[in-house]
């Protein structure tokens, strides 16, 4: 019975680590999206970093990407930059493997 319990605990630990890893990748992807949007708006340097962090924080409002998409779309629109929700979703999709690669490189040290 103890080997079954050990396996169950190991699976639970692996699941928790996978969830944490996915959250970190999503946060990195959102930061990259924020930097992309900041570039479109002509924001650079430390202001771009601050904006990118605000995009990451926006993702805490609700599950899924809707909150991030709405924030970036509203900010781009306010800056006079025309982008569609679909274009922002495409950028999120493009940035996901970039974020994964960056996280993998960091993990390898």
C-alpha atoms as a PDB file:
ATOM      1  CA  UNK A   1       0.000   0.000   0.000  1.00  0.00           C
ATOM      2  CA  UNK A   2       2.829   2.442   0.716  1.00  0.00           C
ATOM      3  CA  UNK A   3       4.256   2.163  -2.824  1.00  0.00           C
ATOM      4  CA  UNK A   4       0.828   3.112  -4.181  1.00  0.00           C
ATOM      5  CA  UNK A   5       0.736   6.101  -1.827  1.00  0.00           C
ATOM      6  CA  UNK A   6       4.268   7.072  -2.856  1.00  0.00           C
ATOM      7  CA  UNK A   7       3.305   6.929  -6.549  1.00  0.00           C
ATOM      8  CA  UNK A   8       0.190   8.977  -5.883  1.00  0.00           C
ATOM      9  CA  UNK A   9       2.205  11.626  -4.018  1.00  0.00           C
ATOM     10  CA  UNK A  10       4.779  11.696  -6.809  1.00  0.00           C
ATOM     11  CA  UNK A  11       2.044  12.202  -9.418  1.00  0.00           C
ATOM     12  CA  UNK A  12       0.510  15.009  -7.361  1.00  0.00           C
ATOM     13  CA  UNK A  13       3.911  16.675  -7.009  1.00  0.00           C
ATOM     14  CA  UNK A  14       4.578  16.343 -10.761  1.00  0.00           C
ATOM     15  CA  UNK A  15       1.165  17.838 -11.535  1.00  0.00           C
ATOM     16  CA  UNK A  16       1.821  20.777  -9.200  1.00  0.00           C
ATOM     17  CA  UNK A  17       5.202  21.402 -10.824  1.00  0.00           C
ATOM     18  CA  UNK A  18       3.653  21.254 -14.301  1.00  0.00           C
ATOM     19  CA  UNK A  19       1.019  23.795 -13.252  1.00  0.00           C
ATOM     20  CA  UNK A  20       3.659  26.136 -11.823  1.00  0.00           C
ATOM     21  CA  UNK A  21       5.752  25.779 -14.952  1.00  0.00           C
ATOM     22  CA  UNK A  22       2.772  26.572 -17.174  1.00  0.00           C
ATOM     23  CA  UNK A  23       1.972  29.646 -15.069  1.00  0.00           C
ATOM     24  CA  UNK A  24       5.537  30.907 -15.438  1.00  0.00           C
ATOM     25  CA  UNK A  25       5.462  30.357 -19.212  1.00  0.00           C
ATOM     26  CA  UNK A  26       2.131  32.198 -19.472  1.00  0.00           C
ATOM     27  CA  UNK A  27       3.471  35.101 -17.413  1.00  0.00           C
ATOM     28  CA  UNK A  28       6.552  35.281 -19.647  1.00  0.00           C
ATOM     29  CA  UNK A  29       4.376  35.176 -22.772  1.00  0.00           C
ATOM     30  CA  UNK A  30       2.238  37.998 -21.397  1.00  0.00           C
ATOM     31  CA  UNK A  31       5.328  40.046 -20.603  1.00  0.00           C
ATOM     32  CA  UNK A  32       6.551  39.549 -24.156  1.00  0.00           C
ATOM     33  CA  UNK A  33       3.119  40.630 -25.423  1.00  0.00           C
ATOM     34  CA  UNK A  34       3.383  43.744 -23.263  1.00  0.00           C
ATOM     35  CA  UNK A  35       6.801  44.538 -24.694  1.00  0.00           C
ATOM     36  CA  UNK A  36       5.443  44.028 -28.222  1.00  0.00           C
ATOM     37  CA  UNK A  37       2.511  46.363 -27.528  1.00  0.00           C
ATOM     38  CA  UNK A  38       4.796  48.907 -25.866  1.00  0.00           C
ATOM     39  CA  UNK A  39       6.945  48.905 -28.995  1.00  0.00           C
ATOM     40  CA  UNK A  40       3.894  49.548 -31.162  1.00  0.00           C
ATOM     41  CA  UNK A  41       2.952  52.457 -28.895  1.00  0.00           C
ATOM     42  CA  UNK A  42       6.466  53.910 -29.033  1.00  0.00           C
ATOM     43  CA  UNK A  43       7.163  53.160 -25.377  1.00  0.00           C
ATOM     44  CA  UNK A  44      10.701  52.047 -24.619  1.00  0.00           C
ATOM     45  CA  UNK A  45      13.202  51.409 -21.863  1.00  0.00           C
ATOM     46  CA  UNK A  46      12.006  51.102 -18.300  1.00  0.00           C
ATOM     47  CA  UNK A  47       8.550  52.399 -19.266  1.00  0.00           C
ATOM     48  CA  UNK A  48       8.161  49.417 -21.611  1.00  0.00           C
ATOM     49  CA  UNK A  49       9.112  47.074 -18.754  1.00  0.00           C
ATOM     50  CA  UNK A  50       6.570  48.729 -16.458  1.00  0.00           C
ATOM     51  CA  UNK A  51       3.885  48.411 -19.123  1.00  0.00           C
ATOM     52  CA  UNK A  52       4.791  44.743 -19.739  1.00  0.00           C
ATOM     53  CA  UNK A  53       4.432  44.040 -16.024  1.00  0.00           C
ATOM     54  CA  UNK A  54       0.993  45.669 -16.063  1.00  0.00           C
ATOM     55  CA  UNK A  55      -0.016  43.211 -18.786  1.00  0.00           C
ATOM     56  CA  UNK A  56       1.173  40.310 -16.624  1.00  0.00           C
ATOM     57  CA  UNK A  57      -0.839  41.651 -13.675  1.00  0.00           C
ATOM     58  CA  UNK A  58      -3.918  42.059 -15.887  1.00  0.00           C
ATOM     59  CA  UNK A  59      -3.929  38.294 -16.380  1.00  0.00           C
ATOM     60  CA  UNK A  60      -4.803  37.841 -12.713  1.00  0.00           C
ATOM     61  CA  UNK A  61      -8.290  39.284 -13.211  1.00  0.00           C
ATOM     62  CA  UNK A  62      -9.911  36.152 -14.666  1.00  0.00           C
ATOM     63  CA  UNK A  63      -9.098  32.744 -16.076  1.00  0.00           C
ATOM     64  CA  UNK A  64      -7.991  32.621 -19.689  1.00  0.00           C
ATOM     65  CA  UNK A  65      -6.502  35.245 -21.961  1.00  0.00           C
ATOM     66  CA  UNK A  66      -9.536  37.516 -22.293  1.00  0.00           C
ATOM     67  CA  UNK A  67      -8.388  39.982 -19.647  1.00  0.00           C
ATOM     68  CA  UNK A  68      -4.951  40.354 -21.250  1.00  0.00           C
ATOM     69  CA  UNK A  69      -6.397  40.730 -24.737  1.00  0.00           C
ATOM     70  CA  UNK A  70      -8.895  43.375 -23.581  1.00  0.00           C
ATOM     71  CA  UNK A  71      -6.189  45.375 -21.797  1.00  0.00           C
ATOM     72  CA  UNK A  72      -3.764  45.375 -24.698  1.00  0.00           C
ATOM     73  CA  UNK A  73      -6.499  46.076 -27.238  1.00  0.00           C
ATOM     74  CA  UNK A  74      -7.818  49.011 -25.172  1.00  0.00           C
ATOM     75  CA  UNK A  75      -4.336  50.433 -24.651  1.00  0.00           C
ATOM     76  CA  UNK A  76      -3.447  50.146 -28.335  1.00  0.00           C
ATOM     77  CA  UNK A  77      -6.759  51.728 -29.329  1.00  0.00           C
ATOM     78  CA  UNK A  78      -6.201  54.589 -26.856  1.00  0.00           C
ATOM     79  CA  UNK A  79      -2.783  55.150 -28.444  1.00  0.00           C
ATOM     80  CA  UNK A  80      -4.371  55.329 -31.898  1.00  0.00           C
ATOM     81  CA  UNK A  81      -3.020  51.971 -33.040  1.00  0.00           C
ATOM     82  CA  UNK A  82      -5.442  49.735 -34.877  1.00  0.00           C
ATOM     83  CA  UNK A  83      -5.206  46.059 -34.044  1.00  0.00           C
ATOM     84  CA  UNK A  84      -7.938  43.464 -33.854  1.00  0.00           C
ATOM     85  CA  UNK A  85      -8.585  40.930 -31.137  1.00  0.00           C
ATOM     86  CA  UNK A  86      -7.627  38.254 -33.657  1.00  0.00           C
ATOM     87  CA  UNK A  87      -4.265  39.936 -34.299  1.00  0.00           C
ATOM     88  CA  UNK A  88      -3.532  40.058 -30.583  1.00  0.00           C
ATOM     89  CA  UNK A  89      -4.491  36.383 -30.250  1.00  0.00           C
ATOM     90  CA  UNK A  90      -2.120  35.592 -33.141  1.00  0.00           C
ATOM     91  CA  UNK A  91       0.664  37.447 -31.339  1.00  0.00           C
ATOM     92  CA  UNK A  92      -0.063  35.497 -28.147  1.00  0.00           C
ATOM     93  CA  UNK A  93       0.155  32.264 -30.136  1.00  0.00           C
ATOM     94  CA  UNK A  94       3.423  33.375 -31.753  1.00  0.00           C
ATOM     95  CA  UNK A  95       4.942  34.324 -28.393  1.00  0.00           C
ATOM     96  CA  UNK A  96       4.026  31.131 -26.527  1.00  0.00           C
ATOM     97  CA  UNK A  97       6.852  28.991 -27.968  1.00  0.00           C
ATOM     98  CA  UNK A  98       9.246  31.933 -27.539  1.00  0.00           C
ATOM     99  CA  UNK A  99       8.334  32.112 -23.856  1.00  0.00           C
ATOM    100  CA  UNK A 100       8.748  28.338 -23.472  1.00  0.00           C
ATOM    101  CA  UNK A 101      12.177  28.498 -25.091  1.00  0.00           C
ATOM    102  CA  UNK A 102      13.272  31.360 -22.832  1.00  0.00           C
ATOM    103  CA  UNK A 103      12.098  29.486 -19.741  1.00  0.00           C
ATOM    104  CA  UNK A 104      13.881  26.327 -20.869  1.00  0.00           C
ATOM    105  CA  UNK A 105      17.141  28.264 -21.430  1.00  0.00           C
ATOM    106  CA  UNK A 106      16.838  29.845 -17.984  1.00  0.00           C
ATOM    107  CA  UNK A 107      16.207  26.472 -16.349  1.00  0.00           C
ATOM    108  CA  UNK A 108      19.329  25.028 -17.965  1.00  0.00           C
ATOM    109  CA  UNK A 109      21.278  27.954 -16.558  1.00  0.00           C
END
